[in-house]
Protein backbone atom coordinates (compact mmCIF):
# COMPACT_ATOMS: atom_id res chain seq x y z
CA UNK A 1 58.65 126.11 142.61
CA UNK A 2 59.04 129.91 142.98
CA UNK A 3 57.62 132.21 140.52
CA UNK A 4 60.26 133.83 138.38
CA UNK A 5 60.02 137.48 137.76
CA UNK A 6 61.32 139.34 134.55
CA UNK A 7 63.98 141.79 135.19
CA UNK A 8 63.51 145.53 134.43
CA UNK A 9 64.92 146.91 131.38
CA UNK A 10 68.50 148.04 131.84
CA UNK A 11 71.87 148.50 129.83
CA UNK A 12 73.26 145.06 129.20
CA UNK A 13 76.77 143.99 129.49
CA UNK A 14 79.08 145.74 127.00
CA UNK A 15 81.23 142.68 126.30
CA UNK A 16 80.28 139.10 126.38
CA UNK A 17 82.82 136.34 125.67
CA UNK A 18 81.95 133.89 122.94
CA UNK A 19 82.26 130.84 125.36
CA UNK A 20 79.58 132.50 127.42
CA UNK A 21 76.92 132.76 124.61
CA UNK A 22 74.06 129.92 125.17
CA UNK A 23 74.38 126.90 123.08
CA UNK A 24 71.69 124.30 122.28
CA UNK A 25 71.56 121.03 120.38
CA UNK A 26 70.68 121.43 116.68
CA UNK A 27 67.56 120.08 115.17
CA UNK A 28 68.06 116.42 114.56
CA UNK A 29 66.58 116.71 111.22
CA UNK A 30 68.87 119.44 109.86
CA UNK A 31 71.96 117.76 111.45
CA UNK A 32 71.18 114.56 109.51
CA UNK A 33 70.45 116.78 106.44
CA UNK A 34 73.83 118.10 106.63
CA UNK A 35 75.25 114.56 106.97
CA UNK A 36 73.51 113.62 103.77
CA UNK A 37 74.81 116.70 102.02
CA UNK A 38 78.44 116.01 103.06
CA UNK A 39 77.94 112.45 101.69
CA UNK A 40 76.97 114.00 98.26
CA UNK A 41 80.33 116.33 98.34
CA UNK A 42 77.66 119.18 98.29
CA UNK A 43 79.77 122.14 99.25
CA UNK A 44 82.82 121.10 97.37
CA UNK A 45 81.10 120.64 94.05
CA UNK A 46 78.75 123.59 94.52
CA UNK A 47 81.87 125.88 95.09
CA UNK A 48 83.42 124.39 91.97
CA UNK A 49 80.42 125.16 89.93
CA UNK A 50 80.16 128.78 91.15
CA UNK A 51 83.89 129.67 91.14
CA UNK A 52 83.63 131.16 87.53
CA UNK A 53 81.41 133.95 89.03
CA UNK A 54 83.84 135.31 91.50
CA UNK A 55 87.24 136.89 91.33
CA UNK A 56 89.93 134.82 93.12
CA UNK A 57 91.31 137.61 95.41
CA UNK A 58 89.73 140.85 94.76
CA UNK A 59 86.76 142.07 96.72
CA UNK A 60 85.10 141.28 100.05
CA UNK A 61 84.27 137.50 100.33
CA UNK A 62 80.41 136.88 99.50
CA UNK A 63 77.98 134.42 100.94
CA UNK A 64 79.42 130.79 100.47
CA UNK A 65 77.45 129.07 97.75
CA UNK A 66 76.59 126.18 99.92
CA UNK A 67 74.96 128.88 102.38
CA UNK A 68 72.95 130.39 99.61
CA UNK A 69 71.56 127.08 98.35
CA UNK A 70 70.88 125.88 101.84
CA UNK A 71 68.77 128.92 102.77
CA UNK A 72 66.48 128.44 99.79
CA UNK A 73 66.05 125.02 100.61
CA UNK A 74 64.90 126.14 104.13
CA UNK A 75 62.28 127.80 102.28
CA UNK A 76 60.95 124.48 101.27
CA UNK A 77 61.31 122.62 104.56
CA UNK A 78 59.86 125.40 106.65
CA UNK A 79 57.09 126.60 104.01
CA UNK A 80 58.46 130.11 103.71
CA UNK A 81 57.62 131.67 100.39
CA UNK A 82 59.77 134.85 100.42
CA UNK A 83 63.60 135.36 100.68
CA UNK A 84 62.91 138.13 103.15
CA UNK A 85 61.00 135.60 105.28
CA UNK A 86 63.81 133.08 104.86
CA UNK A 87 66.53 135.65 106.00
CA UNK A 88 64.17 136.45 109.14
CA UNK A 89 63.80 132.73 110.09
CA UNK A 90 67.43 131.95 109.80
CA UNK A 91 68.50 134.80 111.89
CA UNK A 92 65.82 133.89 114.46
CA UNK A 93 66.52 130.21 114.86
CA UNK A 94 69.61 128.71 116.59
CA UNK A 95 69.06 125.26 114.76
CA UNK A 96 69.07 127.01 111.34
CA UNK A 97 72.15 128.86 112.35
CA UNK A 98 73.78 125.67 113.12
CA UNK A 99 72.65 124.14 109.87
CA UNK A 100 74.18 126.88 107.96
CA UNK A 101 77.48 126.71 110.14
CA UNK A 102 76.80 130.24 111.65
CA UNK A 103 77.60 130.97 115.46
CA UNK A 104 75.44 133.06 117.48
CA UNK A 105 77.92 135.94 117.44
CA UNK A 106 77.94 135.98 113.51
CA UNK A 107 75.34 137.85 111.42
CA UNK A 108 73.39 135.73 109.04
CA UNK A 109 72.79 136.74 105.46
CA UNK A 110 69.85 139.18 104.62
CA UNK A 111 67.45 139.10 101.78
CA UNK A 112 69.21 141.57 99.68
CA UNK A 113 72.57 139.36 99.78
CA UNK A 114 70.35 136.44 98.67
CA UNK A 115 69.07 138.45 95.95
CA UNK A 116 72.45 139.62 95.00
CA UNK A 117 73.82 136.02 94.80
CA UNK A 118 70.71 134.71 92.94
CA UNK A 119 71.27 137.46 90.13
CA UNK A 120 74.93 136.62 89.90
CA UNK A 121 74.47 133.03 89.32
CA UNK A 122 72.85 131.69 86.12
CA UNK A 123 69.98 129.24 85.83
CA UNK A 124 72.51 126.60 84.45
CA UNK A 125 74.26 126.64 87.86
CA UNK A 126 71.08 126.19 89.88
CA UNK A 127 70.44 123.40 87.51
CA UNK A 128 73.60 121.69 88.60
CA UNK A 129 72.41 121.73 92.14
CA UNK A 130 69.29 120.02 91.18
CA UNK A 131 71.29 117.20 89.19
CA UNK A 132 73.55 116.77 92.15
CA UNK A 133 70.65 116.01 94.41
CA UNK A 134 68.92 113.79 91.78
CA UNK A 135 72.35 111.77 91.44
CA UNK A 136 72.07 111.16 95.10
CA UNK A 137 68.60 109.47 94.71
CA UNK A 138 69.84 107.54 91.65
CA UNK A 139 72.94 106.21 93.84
CA UNK A 140 70.28 105.38 96.79
CA UNK A 141 68.07 103.22 94.20
CA UNK A 142 65.16 105.63 94.46
CA UNK A 143 65.02 106.35 90.81
CA UNK A 144 64.60 103.97 87.91
CA UNK A 145 63.31 106.41 85.07
CA UNK A 146 61.39 103.91 83.11
CA UNK A 147 57.92 105.27 83.51
CA UNK A 148 57.52 109.02 84.11
CA UNK A 149 54.43 111.24 84.85
CA UNK A 150 53.78 114.68 83.53
CA UNK A 151 51.68 117.52 85.00
CA UNK A 152 51.26 121.22 85.07
CA UNK A 153 50.02 123.70 87.47
CA UNK A 154 49.83 127.61 87.76
CA UNK A 155 51.92 129.92 90.15
CA UNK A 156 50.32 133.29 91.06
CA UNK A 157 52.56 135.99 89.67
CA UNK A 158 53.72 138.95 91.69
CA UNK A 159 51.81 141.27 89.62
CA UNK A 160 48.35 142.73 89.86
CA UNK A 161 45.58 142.81 87.01
CA UNK A 162 44.86 146.52 87.73
CA UNK A 163 48.40 147.32 86.51
CA UNK A 164 48.02 145.88 82.88
CA UNK A 165 48.56 148.22 79.97
CA UNK A 166 47.96 147.82 76.25
CA UNK A 167 50.98 146.40 74.45
CA UNK A 168 53.24 148.28 72.08
CA UNK A 169 51.80 148.13 68.51
CA UNK A 170 48.15 147.67 69.57
CA UNK A 171 45.72 150.69 69.34
CA UNK A 172 45.89 152.77 72.36
CA UNK A 173 49.49 151.44 73.36
CA UNK A 174 50.39 152.33 77.02
CA UNK A 175 46.62 152.86 78.10
CA UNK A 176 45.64 151.29 81.47
CA UNK A 177 42.83 148.87 81.55
CA UNK A 178 40.57 151.66 83.09
CA UNK A 179 41.75 154.28 80.52
CA UNK A 180 40.63 151.57 77.86
CA UNK A 181 37.21 151.19 79.46
CA UNK A 182 36.77 155.02 79.63
CA UNK A 183 37.49 155.31 75.97
CA UNK A 184 35.10 152.43 75.05
CA UNK A 185 32.31 154.17 77.25
CA UNK A 186 32.90 157.56 75.63
CA UNK A 187 32.52 155.90 72.22
CA UNK A 188 29.28 154.41 73.45
CA UNK A 189 27.95 158.02 74.46
CA UNK A 190 28.66 158.18 78.11
CA UNK A 191 30.70 161.50 78.41
CA UNK A 192 31.72 161.08 82.13
CA UNK A 193 31.35 157.32 83.06
CA UNK A 194 31.23 156.19 86.65
CA UNK A 195 32.95 153.18 87.95
CA UNK A 196 29.65 151.50 88.03
CA UNK A 197 29.19 152.39 84.25
CA UNK A 198 32.74 150.99 83.56
CA UNK A 199 31.97 147.62 85.42
CA UNK A 200 28.68 147.28 83.68
CA UNK A 201 30.50 147.74 80.31
CA UNK A 202 33.25 145.48 81.12
CA UNK A 203 30.70 142.77 82.02
CA UNK A 204 28.92 143.04 78.66
CA UNK A 205 32.09 142.88 76.52
CA UNK A 206 32.41 139.49 74.54
CA UNK A 207 36.21 139.21 74.68
CA UNK A 208 38.60 140.87 77.24
CA UNK A 209 41.94 140.07 78.78
CA UNK A 210 43.76 138.80 75.67
CA UNK A 211 47.42 138.36 76.26
CA UNK A 212 48.07 139.51 72.72
CA UNK A 213 46.87 143.09 73.85
CA UNK A 214 47.77 143.30 77.43
CA UNK A 215 50.68 143.03 79.43
CA UNK A 216 52.08 143.89 82.98
CA UNK A 217 54.83 146.55 82.73
CA UNK A 218 56.53 145.40 85.98
CA UNK A 219 56.53 141.57 84.91
CA UNK A 220 55.94 141.21 81.15
CA UNK A 221 56.62 137.35 81.49
CA UNK A 222 53.29 137.09 83.67
CA UNK A 223 50.25 135.99 81.39
CA UNK A 224 46.55 136.44 82.21
CA UNK A 225 44.96 132.97 82.80
CA UNK A 226 42.44 131.27 85.02
CA UNK A 227 43.55 129.84 88.29
CA UNK A 228 42.79 126.54 89.87
CA UNK A 229 40.26 128.30 92.05
CA UNK A 230 38.41 130.08 89.26
CA UNK A 231 40.08 133.51 89.45
CA UNK A 232 41.40 135.25 86.58
CA UNK A 233 44.99 136.44 87.38
CA UNK A 234 48.35 137.05 86.04
CA UNK A 235 50.44 133.68 86.33
CA UNK A 236 53.01 131.42 85.22
CA UNK A 237 52.89 127.68 84.45
CA UNK A 238 55.18 125.20 85.97
CA UNK A 239 55.58 121.60 84.67
CA UNK A 240 56.73 118.66 86.50
CA UNK A 241 58.18 115.43 85.34
CA UNK A 242 57.75 112.83 88.05
CA UNK A 243 59.01 109.33 88.54
CA UNK A 244 56.32 106.69 88.21
CA UNK A 245 58.49 103.54 88.46
CA UNK A 246 60.49 103.80 91.79
CA UNK A 247 62.01 100.92 93.36
CA UNK A 248 60.92 99.03 96.41
CA UNK A 249 62.28 101.81 98.69
CA UNK A 250 60.09 104.31 97.32
CA UNK A 251 56.73 102.22 97.61
CA UNK A 252 55.74 104.07 100.68
CA UNK A 253 57.11 107.68 100.04
CA UNK A 254 56.54 110.44 97.74
CA UNK A 255 57.60 110.07 94.19
CA UNK A 256 61.11 111.62 92.91
CA UNK A 257 61.03 114.86 90.74
CA UNK A 258 63.02 114.48 87.68
CA UNK A 259 62.48 117.84 86.14
CA UNK A 260 60.89 121.22 86.56
CA UNK A 261 60.48 123.87 84.00
CA UNK A 262 58.63 127.16 83.93
CA UNK A 263 56.49 128.31 80.89
CA UNK A 264 54.11 131.00 80.02
CA UNK A 265 50.73 130.48 81.52
CA UNK A 266 49.20 130.95 78.05
CA UNK A 267 51.15 128.17 76.50
CA UNK A 268 49.20 124.82 76.09
CA UNK A 269 50.22 121.65 77.81
CA UNK A 270 50.57 120.03 74.23
CA UNK A 271 53.11 122.58 73.21
CA UNK A 272 55.32 122.35 76.35
CA UNK A 273 55.01 118.69 77.49
CA UNK A 274 57.86 117.30 75.18
CA UNK A 275 60.17 120.12 75.86
CA UNK A 276 59.89 119.33 79.71
CA UNK A 277 60.43 115.74 79.12
CA UNK A 278 63.53 116.30 76.94
CA UNK A 279 65.13 118.58 79.77
CA UNK A 280 64.29 115.84 82.51
CA UNK A 281 65.83 113.23 80.24
CA UNK A 282 69.12 115.23 80.29
CA UNK A 283 68.95 115.64 84.19
CA UNK A 284 68.52 111.93 84.67
CA UNK A 285 71.09 110.80 81.82
CA UNK A 286 73.91 112.76 83.41
CA UNK A 287 73.37 110.93 86.93
CA UNK A 288 72.88 107.37 85.26
CA UNK A 289 75.67 107.04 82.97
CA UNK A 290 78.09 104.28 83.91
CA UNK A 291 81.84 104.39 83.46
CA UNK A 292 81.74 103.62 79.67
CA UNK A 293 79.11 106.52 79.14
CA UNK A 294 76.13 104.14 78.38
CA UNK A 295 72.71 104.77 79.77
CA UNK A 296 70.54 101.88 81.06
CA UNK A 297 68.09 100.08 78.86
CA UNK A 298 64.32 101.34 79.24
CA UNK A 299 65.16 104.86 80.38
CA UNK A 300 62.14 107.13 79.85
CA UNK A 301 60.27 104.35 78.17
CA UNK A 302 56.76 105.43 78.96
CA UNK A 303 54.96 108.77 79.77
CA UNK A 304 51.72 109.06 81.72
CA UNK A 305 49.77 112.40 81.64
CA UNK A 306 46.04 113.79 81.65
CA UNK A 307 43.93 114.68 78.81
CA UNK A 308 45.24 118.20 78.60
CA UNK A 309 48.50 116.67 76.92
CA UNK A 310 46.55 114.72 74.20
CA UNK A 311 46.75 115.87 70.65
CA UNK A 312 47.91 114.34 67.41
CA UNK A 313 51.14 116.33 67.33
CA UNK A 314 52.03 115.78 71.12
CA UNK A 315 51.87 111.93 70.51
CA UNK A 316 54.00 112.30 67.55
CA UNK A 317 56.24 114.33 69.61
CA UNK A 318 56.51 111.81 72.36
CA UNK A 319 57.04 109.02 69.94
CA UNK A 320 59.85 111.04 68.30
CA UNK A 321 61.52 110.97 71.78
CA UNK A 322 61.56 107.18 71.82
CA UNK A 323 58.65 106.90 74.40
CA UNK A 324 55.31 105.08 74.34
CA UNK A 325 52.77 107.80 75.65
CA UNK A 326 49.82 106.67 77.75
CA UNK A 327 47.60 110.02 77.75
CA UNK A 328 44.00 110.25 78.65
CA UNK A 329 41.99 110.88 75.61
CA UNK A 330 39.25 113.55 75.70
CA UNK A 331 35.73 112.99 74.02
CA UNK A 332 36.09 114.44 70.67
CA UNK A 333 33.14 112.29 68.88
CA UNK A 334 33.99 110.72 65.56
CA UNK A 335 37.20 111.99 63.89
CA UNK A 336 38.22 112.32 60.24
CA UNK A 337 41.69 110.85 59.50
CA UNK A 338 42.21 111.78 55.86
CA UNK A 339 45.92 112.44 55.18
CA UNK A 340 46.65 111.98 58.77
CA UNK A 341 47.84 108.35 58.64
CA UNK A 342 50.86 108.84 61.24
CA UNK A 343 48.46 110.61 63.65
CA UNK A 344 45.85 108.14 63.36
CA UNK A 345 48.34 105.23 64.14
CA UNK A 346 49.74 107.04 67.20
CA UNK A 347 46.16 107.96 68.60
CA UNK A 348 44.97 104.51 68.11
CA UNK A 349 48.21 102.90 69.68
CA UNK A 350 47.90 105.22 72.67
CA UNK A 351 44.09 104.17 72.94
CA UNK A 352 45.01 100.50 73.04
CA UNK A 353 47.63 101.04 75.77
CA UNK A 354 45.07 102.90 77.87
CA UNK A 355 42.72 99.82 77.84
CA UNK A 356 45.35 97.36 79.09
CA UNK A 357 45.41 96.45 82.88
CA UNK A 358 48.82 98.35 83.20
CA UNK A 359 47.45 101.35 81.55
CA UNK A 360 44.60 101.57 83.85
CA UNK A 361 46.89 101.18 86.89
CA UNK A 362 49.07 103.95 85.66
CA UNK A 363 46.12 106.18 85.23
CA UNK A 364 44.87 105.47 88.92
CA UNK A 365 48.62 106.24 90.21
CA UNK A 366 48.80 109.29 87.86
CA UNK A 367 46.47 111.38 90.20
CA UNK A 368 48.03 110.35 93.47
CA UNK A 369 51.80 110.66 92.67
CA UNK A 370 51.45 113.91 90.35
CA UNK A 371 49.30 115.84 92.83
CA UNK A 372 51.37 115.00 95.76
CA UNK A 373 54.45 116.67 94.19
CA UNK A 374 52.40 119.59 93.76
CA UNK A 375 51.17 119.72 97.27
CA UNK A 376 54.50 119.46 98.66
CA UNK A 377 56.07 122.04 96.68
CA UNK A 378 53.44 124.73 96.47
CA UNK A 379 50.93 124.14 99.39
CA UNK A 380 52.96 123.19 102.22
CA UNK A 381 56.15 124.31 100.63
CA UNK A 382 54.84 127.83 100.09
CA UNK A 383 55.52 128.44 96.47
CA UNK A 384 51.87 128.88 95.41
CA UNK A 385 52.38 132.61 95.12
CA UNK A 386 55.55 133.92 93.84
CA UNK A 387 57.44 136.94 95.33
CA UNK A 388 59.91 137.30 92.47
CA UNK A 389 59.43 138.84 89.04
CA UNK A 390 60.82 137.71 85.64
CA UNK A 391 60.82 133.95 84.50
CA UNK A 392 64.41 133.55 84.93
CA UNK A 393 64.25 134.72 88.70
CA UNK A 394 61.33 132.40 89.36
CA UNK A 395 63.00 129.48 87.81
CA UNK A 396 66.05 129.72 89.83
CA UNK A 397 64.23 129.77 93.03
CA UNK A 398 61.83 126.93 91.79
CA UNK A 399 64.80 124.69 90.84
CA UNK A 400 66.51 124.87 94.15
CA UNK A 401 62.85 124.33 95.73
CA UNK A 402 62.58 121.25 93.75
CA UNK A 403 65.97 120.11 94.89
CA UNK A 404 64.82 120.34 98.52
CA UNK A 405 61.78 118.26 97.58
CA UNK A 406 64.14 115.32 96.33
CA UNK A 407 66.38 115.89 99.43
CA UNK A 408 63.17 115.32 101.65
CA UNK A 409 62.72 112.32 99.76
CA UNK A 410 66.32 110.91 100.22
CA UNK A 411 65.96 111.90 103.93
CA UNK A 412 62.85 109.82 104.25
CA UNK A 413 64.46 106.81 102.77
CA UNK A 414 67.30 107.06 105.09
CA UNK A 415 65.94 108.16 108.42
CA UNK A 416 62.09 107.76 108.16
CA UNK A 417 61.19 111.65 107.87
CA UNK A 418 61.20 114.07 104.95
CA UNK A 419 60.47 117.29 106.78
CA UNK A 420 61.52 118.71 110.07
CA UNK A 421 57.85 119.08 111.20
CA UNK A 422 56.60 115.59 110.44
CA UNK A 423 56.18 114.25 114.21
CA UNK A 424 54.18 117.51 115.29
CA UNK A 425 50.74 115.64 114.82
CA UNK A 426 51.93 112.11 115.95
CA UNK A 427 50.50 112.55 119.32
CA UNK A 428 47.06 113.62 118.06
CA UNK A 429 47.02 110.75 115.46
CA UNK A 430 47.73 108.12 118.21
CA UNK A 431 44.97 109.62 120.63
CA UNK A 432 42.42 109.71 117.76
CA UNK A 433 43.13 106.26 116.94
CA UNK A 434 42.80 105.06 120.56
CA UNK A 435 39.47 106.97 120.71
CA UNK A 436 38.19 105.45 117.66
CA UNK A 437 39.05 101.80 118.62
CA UNK A 438 40.50 101.35 122.15
CA UNK A 439 41.01 97.56 121.23
CA UNK A 440 43.77 98.43 118.72
CA UNK A 441 46.03 99.91 121.11
CA UNK A 442 49.08 97.82 120.37
CA UNK A 443 48.56 98.29 116.54
CA UNK A 444 48.44 102.18 117.11
CA UNK A 445 51.71 102.13 119.14
CA UNK A 446 53.32 99.92 116.74
CA UNK A 447 52.48 102.29 113.73
CA UNK A 448 53.67 105.39 115.88
CA UNK A 449 57.08 103.53 116.67
CA UNK A 450 57.36 102.81 112.87
CA UNK A 451 57.44 106.38 111.85
CA UNK A 452 59.49 107.64 114.93
CA UNK A 453 63.08 108.20 113.62
CA UNK A 454 65.05 106.32 116.29
CA UNK A 455 68.43 107.01 114.54
CA UNK A 456 67.60 110.62 114.43
CA UNK A 457 66.66 110.77 118.10
CA UNK A 458 70.08 109.15 119.32
CA UNK A 459 72.12 111.33 121.28
CA UNK A 460 69.17 113.92 121.83
CA UNK A 461 67.55 113.15 125.36
CA UNK A 462 65.03 115.99 124.97
CA UNK A 463 63.69 114.47 121.88
CA UNK A 464 63.76 110.96 123.37
CA UNK A 465 61.66 112.08 126.22
CA UNK A 466 59.14 113.71 124.11
CA UNK A 467 58.79 110.44 121.98
CA UNK A 468 58.39 108.30 125.06
CA UNK A 469 55.78 110.75 126.48
CA UNK A 470 53.82 110.32 123.22
CA UNK A 471 53.87 106.48 123.29
CA UNK A 472 52.97 106.61 127.08
């Protein structure tokens, strides 16, 4: 084969016919994802929900709502954290252009257009998209809703600690943190303190960084908190309500996400848990009502959570919602119950449930299923650090991100793959298995074939050749 040579730079053709533009087969995952969305009536129902935000005739037509929500879902499937990155990725990929319905000659939406549509649509409309996907999971038999799990994590805010200022109404209002330390140093007798003097003074202070005294002027909703890795940063708290009692079809897949809510990072789990569960119940009830409007028996019967959710009032709140909580109890020593008969009954009942075989099993499954949803959304999904400011803006993006997560669950149940890059490491996995134990060749090949989405590879000769090469 002769070596090809790159042509020297010269002026291109002035006009190119659309028929002469190159065309490639779309990504099999995104083609099947579009088929799943069509089965849900996604575009029709989304456009109906968004119609009230647009004029019927006046003005230039904006981005179709179906395109807007698909682009935010691309952020989950491709692990892109910012809307600017999503817009660049869509413009650069022929497969994603085809997923959105854009030809090569058409210009895809940029990040400013995404931001404009996000500000136009309210949180309730984004929530309808999440409910629509959740209804698809219910119809596929992937959600029962009898036992749920509750967990919270932190998202790093798009705001810096060095920018915090004193709150209004606090002594020294409007001061930056450095100005505040300088004033403290001068009060201590240091007329012209250096940066090392300020750092030394800050280390010795017993109490600092209170959310009651400090805020970030660019994102007042961000709260000072301790992150998972031990750093002190401005952050938001996100709470998940996860399906723990899925049917047989969900035995080998990630659990369904029934609700996602955003709170201040300084709010305790015991104060926000029952509110998140109530919102998730509304989501699921909208999709599980029958023709007569009745809900199935046993819906949201039990709630499983870690010890951060354990308190007298939180147990009573869960019981008020008609649930039997199974929450790990922290070591508090001997307790006094004088005048707290209801709290004593709730705590002892929760303690008895934890000691049963079912309670122990649910606590073992809790760490696996709850942490798995966090890993998919925030680690591989790219939302651990937010690029938006304001709790409402972040919640809108987060809701559609969670809808993409549930779509991935539906895709995995239908076609065997929940993300477009699932098969990238399949060859290395097979080779490692063969190197570790050559005698299990047939077992390794059988496992690889089991995860290959044969229905997705149909009518895609290139993908079939790659799959056969992996097996060979």
